[in-house]
Amino acid sequence: MAEKKKQHIIPECYLKSFVDDTPPAGVSMELYEPAVWITDKSLKEASRRRAPNNVLWKNRYYNLEADNPSRPRIEEELAWLEGRYAKVLEALRRRHELSVRQAIEIALFVAVLFGRTNSFISNMQNQIDEIEHLYRQVDRAYNENESVSDEYWEGSSDGGKLSLILTGPALAQRLLSFGITVVVNESGVP
């Protein structure tokens, strides 16, 4: 099985809702792949079109140290969630009423979407590193054998990435407590 290297920070299934279906002048519809507009955050460069599968991704972004490269744990869980989201999105496009399960899936997708950023993962990892540092200081003061700490904190360098999927359900539950409102664009303006 091939290695799953290309991992999206913003999922392709989400980006597809923002594509521009209009081909540039001189490009036939048959040759055009709908694209999203990308603007440099400095706003100094002109916006450009890019296919959703070619933006907002990094190689091995979610891979854990212990992962099998062809089956990275977080990427596989995100793929499952994105598949569920795509089905709910299709139901919304058809104006179907959401079931409780579908509402939960939308809330979980949105919750996890918040955590897919560098800043979230980095912030969570910094907190875990600080807790580990404090734990090891206390452990050194009372134990001569640090192997207990080493065993306890094994894999902690992946804690920020793991928190992405571990905190998702709690945040989704919080979102659901506020209720879900779906806004549908019926204006004719994309």
N, C-alpha and C. Protein backbone atom coordinates (compact mmCIF):
# COMPACT_ATOMS: atom_id res chain seq x y z
N MET A 1 0.84 -1.18 0.00
CA MET A 1 0.00 0.00 0.00
C MET A 1 0.89 1.25 0.00
N ALA A 2 0.50 2.24 -0.75
CA ALA A 2 1.30 3.46 -0.88
C ALA A 2 1.27 4.29 0.40
N GLU A 3 2.35 5.02 0.60
CA GLU A 3 2.44 5.91 1.75
C GLU A 3 1.48 7.08 1.57
N LYS A 4 0.75 7.42 2.63
CA LYS A 4 -0.18 8.55 2.59
C LYS A 4 0.56 9.79 3.09
N LYS A 5 1.18 10.52 2.15
CA LYS A 5 2.00 11.66 2.52
C LYS A 5 1.22 12.97 2.49
N LYS A 6 0.42 13.18 1.48
CA LYS A 6 -0.26 14.46 1.26
C LYS A 6 -1.47 14.56 2.18
N GLN A 7 -1.35 15.36 3.24
CA GLN A 7 -2.39 15.45 4.26
C GLN A 7 -2.87 16.90 4.37
N HIS A 8 -4.17 17.07 4.22
CA HIS A 8 -4.76 18.40 4.18
C HIS A 8 -5.00 19.00 5.57
N ILE A 9 -4.61 20.25 5.71
CA ILE A 9 -4.91 21.02 6.93
C ILE A 9 -6.38 21.42 6.89
N ILE A 10 -6.83 21.88 5.74
CA ILE A 10 -8.26 22.13 5.50
C ILE A 10 -8.69 21.06 4.51
N PRO A 11 -9.66 20.23 4.89
CA PRO A 11 -10.00 19.08 4.05
C PRO A 11 -10.55 19.47 2.68
N GLU A 12 -10.19 18.67 1.72
CA GLU A 12 -10.62 18.88 0.34
C GLU A 12 -12.14 18.88 0.22
N CYS A 13 -12.81 18.00 0.97
CA CYS A 13 -14.28 17.93 0.90
C CYS A 13 -14.92 19.23 1.40
N TYR A 14 -14.26 19.94 2.28
CA TYR A 14 -14.75 21.23 2.77
C TYR A 14 -14.47 22.33 1.73
N LEU A 15 -13.27 22.31 1.17
CA LEU A 15 -12.88 23.32 0.19
C LEU A 15 -13.75 23.28 -1.07
N LYS A 16 -14.25 22.10 -1.42
CA LYS A 16 -15.07 21.97 -2.63
C LYS A 16 -16.33 22.81 -2.58
N SER A 17 -16.77 23.20 -1.39
CA SER A 17 -17.95 24.06 -1.27
C SER A 17 -17.64 25.50 -1.66
N PHE A 18 -16.38 25.81 -1.86
CA PHE A 18 -15.97 27.18 -2.16
C PHE A 18 -15.33 27.33 -3.54
N VAL A 19 -15.52 26.35 -4.41
CA VAL A 19 -14.89 26.42 -5.72
C VAL A 19 -15.62 27.40 -6.63
N ASP A 20 -14.85 27.96 -7.55
CA ASP A 20 -15.38 28.83 -8.60
C ASP A 20 -15.55 27.95 -9.83
N ASP A 21 -16.80 27.79 -10.29
CA ASP A 21 -17.09 26.93 -11.44
C ASP A 21 -16.85 27.62 -12.78
N THR A 22 -16.53 28.90 -12.76
CA THR A 22 -16.37 29.66 -13.99
C THR A 22 -14.93 29.56 -14.49
N PRO A 23 -14.73 29.00 -15.69
CA PRO A 23 -13.35 28.91 -16.20
C PRO A 23 -12.82 30.28 -16.58
N PRO A 24 -11.50 30.47 -16.51
CA PRO A 24 -10.92 31.73 -16.94
C PRO A 24 -11.15 31.93 -18.45
N ALA A 25 -11.05 33.17 -18.89
CA ALA A 25 -11.24 33.48 -20.30
C ALA A 25 -10.31 32.64 -21.16
N GLY A 26 -10.86 32.07 -22.22
CA GLY A 26 -10.06 31.28 -23.14
C GLY A 26 -9.90 29.83 -22.77
N VAL A 27 -10.44 29.39 -21.63
CA VAL A 27 -10.34 27.99 -21.20
C VAL A 27 -11.71 27.34 -21.36
N SER A 28 -11.75 26.22 -22.07
CA SER A 28 -13.03 25.55 -22.29
C SER A 28 -13.48 24.84 -21.01
N MET A 29 -14.77 24.70 -20.88
CA MET A 29 -15.35 24.05 -19.70
C MET A 29 -14.85 22.61 -19.56
N GLU A 30 -14.60 21.93 -20.68
CA GLU A 30 -14.13 20.54 -20.64
C GLU A 30 -12.74 20.42 -20.01
N LEU A 31 -11.92 21.44 -20.19
CA LEU A 31 -10.55 21.41 -19.68
C LEU A 31 -10.40 22.04 -18.30
N TYR A 32 -11.48 22.65 -17.82
CA TYR A 32 -11.39 23.41 -16.57
C TYR A 32 -11.75 22.54 -15.37
N GLU A 33 -10.92 22.60 -14.36
CA GLU A 33 -11.23 21.95 -13.09
C GLU A 33 -11.62 23.06 -12.11
N PRO A 34 -12.84 23.00 -11.55
CA PRO A 34 -13.25 24.05 -10.61
C PRO A 34 -12.17 24.26 -9.53
N ALA A 35 -11.97 25.50 -9.16
CA ALA A 35 -10.86 25.84 -8.27
C ALA A 35 -11.29 26.85 -7.21
N VAL A 36 -10.53 26.87 -6.13
CA VAL A 36 -10.72 27.90 -5.11
C VAL A 36 -9.74 29.02 -5.39
N TRP A 37 -10.06 30.21 -4.92
CA TRP A 37 -9.17 31.35 -5.06
C TRP A 37 -8.26 31.39 -3.84
N ILE A 38 -6.97 31.50 -4.07
CA ILE A 38 -5.98 31.57 -3.01
C ILE A 38 -5.35 32.95 -3.03
N THR A 39 -5.31 33.58 -1.88
CA THR A 39 -4.71 34.90 -1.74
C THR A 39 -3.61 34.82 -0.71
N ASP A 40 -2.47 35.36 -1.02
CA ASP A 40 -1.35 35.42 -0.09
C ASP A 40 -1.78 36.25 1.13
N LYS A 41 -1.44 35.80 2.33
CA LYS A 41 -1.90 36.52 3.53
C LYS A 41 -1.33 37.93 3.64
N SER A 42 -0.25 38.23 2.92
CA SER A 42 0.28 39.60 2.92
C SER A 42 -0.55 40.51 2.01
N LEU A 43 -1.37 39.91 1.16
CA LEU A 43 -2.20 40.62 0.17
C LEU A 43 -1.37 41.39 -0.84
N LYS A 44 -0.10 41.05 -0.97
CA LYS A 44 0.78 41.73 -1.91
C LYS A 44 0.78 41.08 -3.29
N GLU A 45 0.38 39.81 -3.35
CA GLU A 45 0.36 39.10 -4.62
C GLU A 45 -1.08 38.98 -5.10
N ALA A 46 -1.24 38.82 -6.40
CA ALA A 46 -2.57 38.64 -6.98
C ALA A 46 -3.12 37.27 -6.57
N SER A 47 -4.43 37.20 -6.41
CA SER A 47 -5.08 35.92 -6.11
C SER A 47 -4.89 34.99 -7.29
N ARG A 48 -4.87 33.70 -6.99
CA ARG A 48 -4.73 32.71 -8.06
C ARG A 48 -5.67 31.53 -7.79
N ARG A 49 -6.00 30.83 -8.85
CA ARG A 49 -6.89 29.67 -8.75
C ARG A 49 -6.06 28.41 -8.49
N ARG A 50 -6.58 27.55 -7.62
CA ARG A 50 -5.93 26.26 -7.36
C ARG A 50 -7.02 25.23 -7.11
N ALA A 51 -6.80 24.03 -7.60
CA ALA A 51 -7.73 22.93 -7.34
C ALA A 51 -7.70 22.62 -5.84
N PRO A 52 -8.84 22.26 -5.24
CA PRO A 52 -8.87 21.98 -3.80
C PRO A 52 -7.87 20.92 -3.33
N ASN A 53 -7.55 19.96 -4.20
CA ASN A 53 -6.60 18.92 -3.77
C ASN A 53 -5.16 19.42 -3.76
N ASN A 54 -4.93 20.64 -4.27
CA ASN A 54 -3.57 21.17 -4.33
C ASN A 54 -3.30 22.33 -3.38
N VAL A 55 -4.17 22.55 -2.42
CA VAL A 55 -3.96 23.66 -1.47
C VAL A 55 -4.12 23.18 -0.04
N LEU A 56 -3.48 23.91 0.85
CA LEU A 56 -3.62 23.72 2.29
C LEU A 56 -3.32 22.29 2.74
N TRP A 57 -2.19 21.78 2.31
CA TRP A 57 -1.74 20.45 2.72
C TRP A 57 -0.23 20.48 3.01
N LYS A 58 0.19 19.48 3.76
CA LYS A 58 1.62 19.30 4.06
C LYS A 58 1.92 17.80 4.02
N ASN A 59 3.16 17.47 3.67
CA ASN A 59 3.59 16.08 3.71
C ASN A 59 3.61 15.57 5.16
N ARG A 60 2.98 14.43 5.38
CA ARG A 60 3.01 13.72 6.67
C ARG A 60 2.65 14.62 7.86
N TYR A 61 1.77 15.57 7.64
CA TYR A 61 1.42 16.56 8.65
C TYR A 61 0.90 15.94 9.95
N TYR A 62 0.09 14.91 9.85
CA TYR A 62 -0.51 14.30 11.03
C TYR A 62 0.17 13.00 11.46
N ASN A 63 1.21 12.56 10.76
CA ASN A 63 1.82 11.29 11.08
C ASN A 63 2.42 11.28 12.49
N LEU A 64 2.19 10.19 13.17
CA LEU A 64 2.76 9.96 14.50
C LEU A 64 4.05 9.16 14.34
N GLU A 65 4.91 9.23 15.33
CA GLU A 65 6.19 8.51 15.27
C GLU A 65 5.99 7.01 15.05
N ALA A 66 4.99 6.42 15.67
CA ALA A 66 4.77 4.98 15.60
C ALA A 66 3.89 4.55 14.44
N ASP A 67 3.47 5.48 13.59
CA ASP A 67 2.57 5.15 12.48
C ASP A 67 3.20 4.28 11.42
N ASN A 68 2.36 3.46 10.82
CA ASN A 68 2.70 2.78 9.58
C ASN A 68 2.46 3.83 8.49
N PRO A 69 3.47 4.18 7.67
CA PRO A 69 3.31 5.25 6.69
C PRO A 69 2.14 5.06 5.72
N SER A 70 1.75 3.81 5.47
CA SER A 70 0.63 3.59 4.56
C SER A 70 -0.73 3.66 5.28
N ARG A 71 -0.71 3.69 6.61
CA ARG A 71 -1.95 3.78 7.38
C ARG A 71 -1.77 4.69 8.59
N PRO A 72 -1.47 5.98 8.37
CA PRO A 72 -1.30 6.88 9.51
C PRO A 72 -2.62 7.04 10.28
N ARG A 73 -2.56 6.83 11.56
CA ARG A 73 -3.75 6.76 12.41
C ARG A 73 -4.65 7.99 12.29
N ILE A 74 -4.09 9.17 12.50
CA ILE A 74 -4.92 10.38 12.50
C ILE A 74 -5.49 10.64 11.11
N GLU A 75 -4.68 10.48 10.10
CA GLU A 75 -5.15 10.70 8.73
C GLU A 75 -6.31 9.75 8.40
N GLU A 76 -6.23 8.52 8.86
CA GLU A 76 -7.33 7.57 8.60
C GLU A 76 -8.60 7.97 9.35
N GLU A 77 -8.45 8.43 10.58
CA GLU A 77 -9.63 8.87 11.33
C GLU A 77 -10.24 10.13 10.71
N LEU A 78 -9.38 11.04 10.24
CA LEU A 78 -9.89 12.24 9.58
C LEU A 78 -10.59 11.88 8.27
N ALA A 79 -10.06 10.92 7.53
CA ALA A 79 -10.69 10.48 6.28
C ALA A 79 -12.08 9.92 6.56
N TRP A 80 -12.22 9.14 7.63
CA TRP A 80 -13.54 8.60 8.00
C TRP A 80 -14.50 9.76 8.29
N LEU A 81 -14.05 10.71 9.09
CA LEU A 81 -14.90 11.85 9.46
C LEU A 81 -15.27 12.69 8.24
N GLU A 82 -14.32 12.89 7.33
CA GLU A 82 -14.59 13.65 6.11
C GLU A 82 -15.61 12.93 5.24
N GLY A 83 -15.57 11.60 5.21
CA GLY A 83 -16.56 10.83 4.47
C GLY A 83 -17.96 11.01 5.04
N ARG A 84 -18.05 11.02 6.36
CA ARG A 84 -19.34 11.24 7.03
C ARG A 84 -19.84 12.66 6.73
N TYR A 85 -18.93 13.64 6.80
CA TYR A 85 -19.29 15.03 6.53
C TYR A 85 -19.83 15.18 5.10
N ALA A 86 -19.16 14.55 4.15
CA ALA A 86 -19.59 14.65 2.74
C ALA A 86 -21.02 14.13 2.57
N LYS A 87 -21.37 13.06 3.27
CA LYS A 87 -22.74 12.52 3.19
C LYS A 87 -23.75 13.48 3.81
N VAL A 88 -23.39 14.07 4.94
CA VAL A 88 -24.29 15.03 5.59
C VAL A 88 -24.43 16.28 4.71
N LEU A 89 -23.35 16.71 4.11
CA LEU A 89 -23.39 17.88 3.24
C LEU A 89 -24.32 17.63 2.05
N GLU A 90 -24.28 16.43 1.52
CA GLU A 90 -25.18 16.08 0.41
C GLU A 90 -26.64 16.13 0.87
N ALA A 91 -26.91 15.65 2.06
CA ALA A 91 -28.27 15.71 2.60
C ALA A 91 -28.71 17.17 2.77
N LEU A 92 -27.80 18.02 3.21
CA LEU A 92 -28.12 19.45 3.36
C LEU A 92 -28.41 20.09 2.00
N ARG A 93 -27.62 19.73 1.01
CA ARG A 93 -27.84 20.29 -0.33
C ARG A 93 -29.20 19.90 -0.89
N ARG A 94 -29.68 18.74 -0.50
CA ARG A 94 -31.00 18.28 -0.95
C ARG A 94 -32.12 18.79 -0.05
N ARG A 95 -31.74 19.60 0.94
CA ARG A 95 -32.68 20.21 1.89
C ARG A 95 -33.38 19.18 2.78
N HIS A 96 -32.68 18.07 3.06
CA HIS A 96 -33.22 17.06 3.97
C HIS A 96 -33.02 17.52 5.41
N GLU A 97 -33.95 17.16 6.25
CA GLU A 97 -33.79 17.45 7.68
C GLU A 97 -32.72 16.52 8.24
N LEU A 98 -31.86 17.08 9.08
CA LEU A 98 -30.78 16.28 9.66
C LEU A 98 -31.30 15.39 10.78
N SER A 99 -30.78 14.16 10.81
CA SER A 99 -31.05 13.27 11.94
C SER A 99 -30.14 13.70 13.10
N VAL A 100 -30.38 13.16 14.27
CA VAL A 100 -29.52 13.46 15.41
C VAL A 100 -28.09 13.01 15.11
N ARG A 101 -27.94 11.85 14.52
CA ARG A 101 -26.60 11.34 14.18
C ARG A 101 -25.90 12.29 13.22
N GLN A 102 -26.61 12.78 12.21
CA GLN A 102 -26.01 13.70 11.25
C GLN A 102 -25.61 15.03 11.92
N ALA A 103 -26.42 15.50 12.84
CA ALA A 103 -26.08 16.72 13.58
C ALA A 103 -24.80 16.51 14.39
N ILE A 104 -24.69 15.35 14.99
CA ILE A 104 -23.48 15.02 15.76
C ILE A 104 -22.26 14.97 14.82
N GLU A 105 -22.43 14.37 13.65
CA GLU A 105 -21.32 14.27 12.69
C GLU A 105 -20.88 15.64 12.20
N ILE A 106 -21.84 16.53 11.96
CA ILE A 106 -21.49 17.91 11.54
C ILE A 106 -20.74 18.61 12.67
N ALA A 107 -21.24 18.48 13.90
CA ALA A 107 -20.59 19.13 15.05
C ALA A 107 -19.18 18.58 15.24
N LEU A 108 -19.00 17.29 15.10
CA LEU A 108 -17.67 16.69 15.25
C LEU A 108 -16.73 17.16 14.14
N PHE A 109 -17.23 17.25 12.92
CA PHE A 109 -16.42 17.74 11.81
C PHE A 109 -15.95 19.17 12.08
N VAL A 110 -16.88 20.03 12.50
CA VAL A 110 -16.54 21.43 12.78
C VAL A 110 -15.55 21.52 13.94
N ALA A 111 -15.78 20.74 14.98
CA ALA A 111 -14.89 20.75 16.15
C ALA A 111 -13.47 20.34 15.75
N VAL A 112 -13.36 19.28 14.97
CA VAL A 112 -12.04 18.81 14.56
C VAL A 112 -11.40 19.79 13.57
N LEU A 113 -12.22 20.47 12.78
CA LEU A 113 -11.70 21.47 11.85
C LEU A 113 -10.94 22.57 12.60
N PHE A 114 -11.42 22.95 13.77
CA PHE A 114 -10.73 23.95 14.59
C PHE A 114 -9.34 23.47 15.00
N GLY A 115 -9.21 22.18 15.21
CA GLY A 115 -7.95 21.63 15.71
C GLY A 115 -6.93 21.27 14.65
N ARG A 116 -7.26 21.43 13.38
CA ARG A 116 -6.35 21.00 12.32
C ARG A 116 -5.28 22.03 11.98
N THR A 117 -5.18 23.07 12.75
CA THR A 117 -4.23 24.15 12.44
C THR A 117 -2.91 23.96 13.17
N ASN A 118 -1.87 24.57 12.62
CA ASN A 118 -0.55 24.55 13.27
C ASN A 118 -0.64 25.11 14.69
N SER A 119 -1.37 26.22 14.85
CA SER A 119 -1.41 26.87 16.16
C SER A 119 -2.08 25.99 17.21
N PHE A 120 -3.15 25.28 16.86
CA PHE A 120 -3.81 24.40 17.83
C PHE A 120 -2.87 23.27 18.23
N ILE A 121 -2.32 22.59 17.22
CA ILE A 121 -1.45 21.45 17.51
C ILE A 121 -0.23 21.89 18.31
N SER A 122 0.36 23.01 17.94
CA SER A 122 1.53 23.53 18.64
C SER A 122 1.19 23.93 20.08
N ASN A 123 0.06 24.59 20.26
CA ASN A 123 -0.36 25.00 21.60
C ASN A 123 -0.59 23.78 22.50
N MET A 124 -1.27 22.78 21.96
CA MET A 124 -1.51 21.57 22.76
C MET A 124 -0.18 20.88 23.09
N GLN A 125 0.74 20.81 22.12
CA GLN A 125 2.02 20.16 22.35
C GLN A 125 2.81 20.93 23.41
N ASN A 126 2.78 22.25 23.37
CA ASN A 126 3.47 23.05 24.39
C ASN A 126 2.93 22.78 25.78
N GLN A 127 1.62 22.63 25.91
CA GLN A 127 1.02 22.32 27.22
C GLN A 127 1.47 20.95 27.70
N ILE A 128 1.45 19.98 26.81
CA ILE A 128 1.88 18.62 27.17
C ILE A 128 3.35 18.62 27.56
N ASP A 129 4.18 19.33 26.80
CA ASP A 129 5.62 19.41 27.12
C ASP A 129 5.85 20.04 28.49
N GLU A 130 5.09 21.06 28.81
CA GLU A 130 5.23 21.73 30.11
C GLU A 130 4.82 20.80 31.26
N ILE A 131 3.73 20.08 31.07
CA ILE A 131 3.29 19.12 32.09
C ILE A 131 4.33 18.02 32.26
N GLU A 132 4.87 17.53 31.15
CA GLU A 132 5.91 16.50 31.22
C GLU A 132 7.14 17.02 31.96
N HIS A 133 7.54 18.24 31.66
CA HIS A 133 8.70 18.85 32.31
C HIS A 133 8.48 18.91 33.83
N LEU A 134 7.32 19.38 34.24
CA LEU A 134 7.02 19.47 35.69
C LEU A 134 6.98 18.08 36.32
N TYR A 135 6.37 17.13 35.65
CA TYR A 135 6.29 15.76 36.16
C TYR A 135 7.69 15.18 36.37
N ARG A 136 8.54 15.38 35.37
CA ARG A 136 9.90 14.84 35.47
C ARG A 136 10.70 15.51 36.59
N GLN A 137 10.47 16.80 36.83
CA GLN A 137 11.15 17.48 37.94
C GLN A 137 10.75 16.86 39.27
N VAL A 138 9.48 16.65 39.45
CA VAL A 138 8.99 16.05 40.69
C VAL A 138 9.50 14.62 40.80
N ASP A 139 9.45 13.88 39.70
CA ASP A 139 9.90 12.50 39.70
C ASP A 139 11.38 12.40 40.06
N ARG A 140 12.21 13.30 39.53
CA ARG A 140 13.64 13.31 39.84
C ARG A 140 13.88 13.59 41.32
N ALA A 141 13.05 14.42 41.90
CA ALA A 141 13.22 14.77 43.31
C ALA A 141 12.93 13.58 44.23
N TYR A 142 12.06 12.66 43.78
CA TYR A 142 11.65 11.57 44.66
C TYR A 142 12.10 10.19 44.20
N ASN A 143 12.57 10.05 42.97
CA ASN A 143 13.00 8.75 42.45
C ASN A 143 14.36 8.89 41.79
N GLU A 144 15.16 7.89 41.96
CA GLU A 144 16.45 7.88 41.29
C GLU A 144 16.34 7.27 39.90
N ASN A 145 15.32 6.46 39.69
CA ASN A 145 15.14 5.74 38.44
C ASN A 145 14.20 6.51 37.51
N GLU A 146 14.75 7.13 36.47
CA GLU A 146 13.93 7.92 35.55
C GLU A 146 13.23 7.06 34.51
N SER A 147 13.47 5.76 34.50
CA SER A 147 12.85 4.90 33.49
C SER A 147 11.33 4.89 33.65
N VAL A 148 10.84 5.14 34.87
CA VAL A 148 9.39 5.21 35.09
C VAL A 148 8.83 6.40 34.31
N SER A 149 9.47 7.54 34.39
CA SER A 149 9.04 8.72 33.63
C SER A 149 9.14 8.47 32.13
N ASP A 150 10.25 7.86 31.72
CA ASP A 150 10.44 7.61 30.29
C ASP A 150 9.32 6.73 29.75
N GLU A 151 8.97 5.71 30.49
CA GLU A 151 7.90 4.81 30.06
C GLU A 151 6.55 5.54 30.06
N TYR A 152 6.31 6.32 31.09
CA TYR A 152 5.04 7.04 31.22
C TYR A 152 4.85 8.06 30.10
N TRP A 153 5.91 8.74 29.73
CA TRP A 153 5.82 9.82 28.73
C TRP A 153 6.20 9.38 27.32
N GLU A 154 6.36 8.08 27.11
CA GLU A 154 6.68 7.59 25.76
C GLU A 154 5.60 8.04 24.77
N GLY A 155 6.02 8.60 23.66
CA GLY A 155 5.08 9.07 22.64
C GLY A 155 4.49 10.44 22.90
N SER A 156 4.92 11.10 23.98
CA SER A 156 4.33 12.40 24.32
C SER A 156 4.62 13.47 23.28
N SER A 157 5.64 13.25 22.46
CA SER A 157 5.96 14.24 21.42
C SER A 157 4.88 14.29 20.34
N ASP A 158 3.98 13.31 20.33
CA ASP A 158 2.85 13.30 19.39
C ASP A 158 1.56 13.78 20.05
N GLY A 159 1.66 14.24 21.27
CA GLY A 159 0.46 14.63 22.02
C GLY A 159 -0.34 15.74 21.38
N GLY A 160 0.33 16.71 20.79
CA GLY A 160 -0.38 17.81 20.13
C GLY A 160 -1.22 17.32 18.97
N LYS A 161 -0.66 16.40 18.19
CA LYS A 161 -1.39 15.84 17.05
C LYS A 161 -2.53 14.95 17.54
N LEU A 162 -2.26 14.13 18.54
CA LEU A 162 -3.31 13.26 19.08
C LEU A 162 -4.46 14.05 19.69
N SER A 163 -4.15 15.21 20.27
CA SER A 163 -5.20 16.02 20.89
C SER A 163 -6.22 16.49 19.87
N LEU A 164 -5.81 16.57 18.62
CA LEU A 164 -6.73 16.94 17.54
C LEU A 164 -7.94 16.01 17.53
N ILE A 165 -7.70 14.71 17.60
CA ILE A 165 -8.83 13.78 17.56
C ILE A 165 -9.40 13.48 18.95
N LEU A 166 -8.59 13.65 19.98
CA LEU A 166 -9.06 13.34 21.32
C LEU A 166 -9.94 14.44 21.91
N THR A 167 -9.72 15.69 21.51
CA THR A 167 -10.53 16.79 22.04
C THR A 167 -11.77 17.05 21.18
N GLY A 168 -11.79 16.51 19.97
CA GLY A 168 -12.92 16.73 19.06
C GLY A 168 -14.28 16.40 19.65
N PRO A 169 -14.46 15.21 20.23
CA PRO A 169 -15.78 14.88 20.78
C PRO A 169 -16.25 15.84 21.89
N ALA A 170 -15.34 16.27 22.75
CA ALA A 170 -15.73 17.19 23.83
C ALA A 170 -16.17 18.54 23.26
N LEU A 171 -15.43 19.04 22.28
CA LEU A 171 -15.80 20.31 21.66
C LEU A 171 -17.10 20.17 20.87
N ALA A 172 -17.27 19.02 20.20
CA ALA A 172 -18.52 18.78 19.46
C ALA A 172 -19.72 18.78 20.41
N GLN A 173 -19.54 18.17 21.57
CA GLN A 173 -20.62 18.15 22.57
C GLN A 173 -20.96 19.57 23.00
N ARG A 174 -19.94 20.39 23.16
CA ARG A 174 -20.16 21.79 23.55
C ARG A 174 -20.89 22.55 22.44
N LEU A 175 -20.49 22.33 21.19
CA LEU A 175 -21.17 22.96 20.06
C LEU A 175 -22.63 22.55 20.00
N LEU A 176 -22.89 21.26 20.22
CA LEU A 176 -24.27 20.76 20.17
C LEU A 176 -25.13 21.36 21.28
N SER A 177 -24.50 21.68 22.41
CA SER A 177 -25.27 22.27 23.51
C SER A 177 -25.82 23.64 23.14
N PHE A 178 -25.18 24.30 22.17
CA PHE A 178 -25.66 25.59 21.68
C PHE A 178 -26.69 25.42 20.58
N GLY A 179 -26.75 24.23 19.99
CA GLY A 179 -27.66 23.98 18.88
C GLY A 179 -26.94 24.23 17.56
N ILE A 180 -27.49 23.67 16.51
CA ILE A 180 -26.90 23.82 15.18
C ILE A 180 -27.87 24.59 14.30
N THR A 181 -27.37 25.61 13.67
CA THR A 181 -28.15 26.39 12.71
C THR A 181 -27.49 26.23 11.36
N VAL A 182 -28.28 25.88 10.38
CA VAL A 182 -27.77 25.74 9.03
C VAL A 182 -28.26 26.92 8.22
N VAL A 183 -27.34 27.62 7.58
CA VAL A 183 -27.69 28.76 6.74
C VAL A 183 -27.50 28.32 5.29
N VAL A 184 -28.53 28.49 4.49
CA VAL A 184 -28.49 28.07 3.09
C VAL A 184 -28.48 29.32 2.21
N ASN A 185 -27.54 29.36 1.30
CA ASN A 185 -27.43 30.49 0.35
C ASN A 185 -28.39 30.22 -0.81
N GLU A 186 -29.47 30.97 -0.87
CA GLU A 186 -30.43 30.85 -1.97
C GLU A 186 -30.43 32.11 -2.83
N SER A 187 -29.41 32.92 -2.71
CA SER A 187 -29.36 34.21 -3.38
C SER A 187 -29.02 34.12 -4.87
N GLY A 188 -28.46 33.01 -5.31
CA GLY A 188 -28.00 32.91 -6.67
C GLY A 188 -26.58 33.42 -6.84
N VAL A 189 -26.04 34.07 -5.82
CA VAL A 189 -24.66 34.54 -5.85
C VAL A 189 -23.80 33.45 -5.19
N PRO A 190 -22.78 32.96 -5.92
CA PRO A 190 -21.97 31.85 -5.33
C PRO A 190 -21.23 32.29 -4.07
